[in-house]
Amino acid sequence: MSSWAHLIKINELPPGQTCEVVVEENVLAVFNLDGEFKVLEGICPHQGGPLGKGTLSGCIVTCPWHGWQFNTRTGQQQINARIVHPTYTTRIDGENVLVQLPA
């Protein structure tokens, strides 16, 4: 069973921006795609870079350490089709963005 947890307030992350948030010991990379909030596991699988501090272009985030790129909607790594990074479901509750965490 999963649970919903507070992630951020909507106004804390402007459209086109990224941030890193720790929720219940989970490091998460948060992306605002024109009001649609997407979340990936925050640690890059390559060498542990902070995806939440990466550069966002459309829905693609580039890890600041070594340039690995992921689709923030699907978690798909942009060069190797076998690598899919974990994604998290979000929902809006008033002024808050909530994230669904696994049990």
Protein backbone atom coordinates (compact mmCIF):
# COMPACT_ATOMS: atom_id res chain seq x y z
CA MET A 1 0.00 0.00 0.00
CA SER A 2 1.33 3.46 -0.88
CA SER A 3 0.93 6.74 0.95
CA TRP A 4 0.67 10.39 -0.06
CA ALA A 5 3.11 12.91 1.41
CA HIS A 6 3.53 16.67 1.14
CA LEU A 7 6.18 17.51 -1.47
CA ILE A 8 6.16 21.31 -1.95
CA LYS A 9 3.79 24.23 -2.23
CA ILE A 10 2.81 25.04 -5.82
CA ASN A 11 4.29 28.55 -5.66
CA GLU A 12 7.69 27.26 -4.48
CA LEU A 13 8.64 25.95 -7.93
CA PRO A 14 7.97 28.16 -10.96
CA PRO A 15 7.25 26.60 -14.39
CA GLY A 16 10.36 25.31 -16.14
CA GLN A 17 12.29 24.93 -12.89
CA THR A 18 13.66 21.98 -10.92
CA CYS A 19 14.44 21.32 -7.28
CA GLU A 20 15.57 18.59 -4.96
CA VAL A 21 13.36 17.60 -2.02
CA VAL A 22 13.83 14.95 0.67
CA VAL A 23 10.54 13.33 1.72
CA GLU A 24 10.58 10.55 4.30
CA GLU A 25 14.23 9.72 3.51
CA ASN A 26 13.58 9.69 -0.27
CA VAL A 27 15.69 12.09 -2.34
CA LEU A 28 13.38 13.33 -5.08
CA ALA A 29 13.92 15.48 -8.16
CA VAL A 30 10.88 17.70 -8.77
CA PHE A 31 10.07 19.37 -12.10
CA ASN A 32 7.40 21.93 -12.96
CA LEU A 33 6.41 21.39 -16.59
CA ASP A 34 4.12 24.40 -17.10
CA GLY A 35 2.07 23.61 -13.98
CA GLU A 36 2.33 19.83 -14.27
CA PHE A 37 4.57 18.50 -11.50
CA LYS A 38 6.73 15.48 -12.28
CA VAL A 39 9.00 13.60 -9.89
CA LEU A 40 11.93 11.26 -10.48
CA GLU A 41 14.11 9.48 -7.98
CA GLY A 42 16.63 12.22 -7.25
CA ILE A 43 19.87 10.24 -7.54
CA CYS A 44 21.22 9.67 -11.06
CA PRO A 45 21.93 5.95 -11.63
CA HIS A 46 25.20 6.75 -13.41
CA GLN A 47 27.31 8.04 -10.52
CA GLY A 48 24.87 9.48 -8.01
CA GLY A 49 24.50 13.00 -9.37
CA PRO A 50 21.66 15.24 -8.11
CA LEU A 51 18.98 15.20 -10.82
CA GLY A 52 16.98 17.87 -8.95
CA LYS A 53 19.86 20.27 -9.58
CA GLY A 54 20.01 19.45 -13.27
CA THR A 55 19.03 21.52 -16.28
CA LEU A 56 15.50 21.18 -17.61
CA SER A 57 14.75 21.55 -21.34
CA GLY A 58 11.11 20.82 -22.09
CA CYS A 59 10.53 17.55 -20.27
CA ILE A 60 14.17 16.39 -20.43
CA VAL A 61 16.46 16.82 -17.42
CA THR A 62 20.24 16.69 -17.78
CA CYS A 63 22.24 15.51 -14.78
CA PRO A 64 24.71 18.24 -13.76
CA TRP A 65 27.55 15.78 -13.11
CA HIS A 66 27.97 13.81 -16.36
CA GLY A 67 25.16 14.86 -18.67
CA TRP A 68 22.91 11.81 -18.50
CA GLN A 69 19.44 12.81 -19.73
CA PHE A 70 16.04 11.53 -18.63
CA ASN A 71 12.47 12.17 -19.72
CA THR A 72 10.81 13.54 -16.58
CA ARG A 73 7.41 12.16 -17.64
CA THR A 74 8.53 8.54 -18.12
CA GLY A 75 11.96 8.19 -16.50
CA GLN A 76 13.37 6.96 -19.83
CA GLN A 77 17.10 7.56 -20.23
CA GLN A 78 17.62 9.29 -23.57
CA ILE A 79 20.41 7.12 -25.00
CA ASN A 80 19.92 3.65 -23.53
CA ALA A 81 16.35 2.30 -23.88
CA ARG A 82 17.05 -0.32 -21.20
CA ILE A 83 17.46 2.34 -18.49
CA VAL A 84 14.22 3.66 -17.01
CA HIS A 85 14.62 5.75 -13.86
CA PRO A 86 11.90 5.49 -11.18
CA THR A 87 9.08 8.03 -11.36
CA TYR A 88 6.57 9.07 -8.70
CA THR A 89 2.92 10.07 -9.08
CA THR A 90 1.88 13.56 -7.92
CA ARG A 91 -1.41 15.30 -7.27
CA ILE A 92 -2.48 18.81 -6.33
CA ASP A 93 -4.32 19.40 -3.05
CA GLY A 94 -5.18 23.10 -2.71
CA GLU A 95 -1.84 24.94 -2.75
CA ASN A 96 0.19 21.79 -2.11
CA VAL A 97 1.82 19.23 -4.36
CA LEU A 98 1.63 15.73 -2.91
CA VAL A 99 3.76 12.76 -3.94
CA GLN A 100 2.76 9.11 -3.76
CA LEU A 101 5.44 7.08 -1.96
CA PRO A 102 5.69 3.30 -2.06
CA ALA A 103 4.96 1.42 1.15
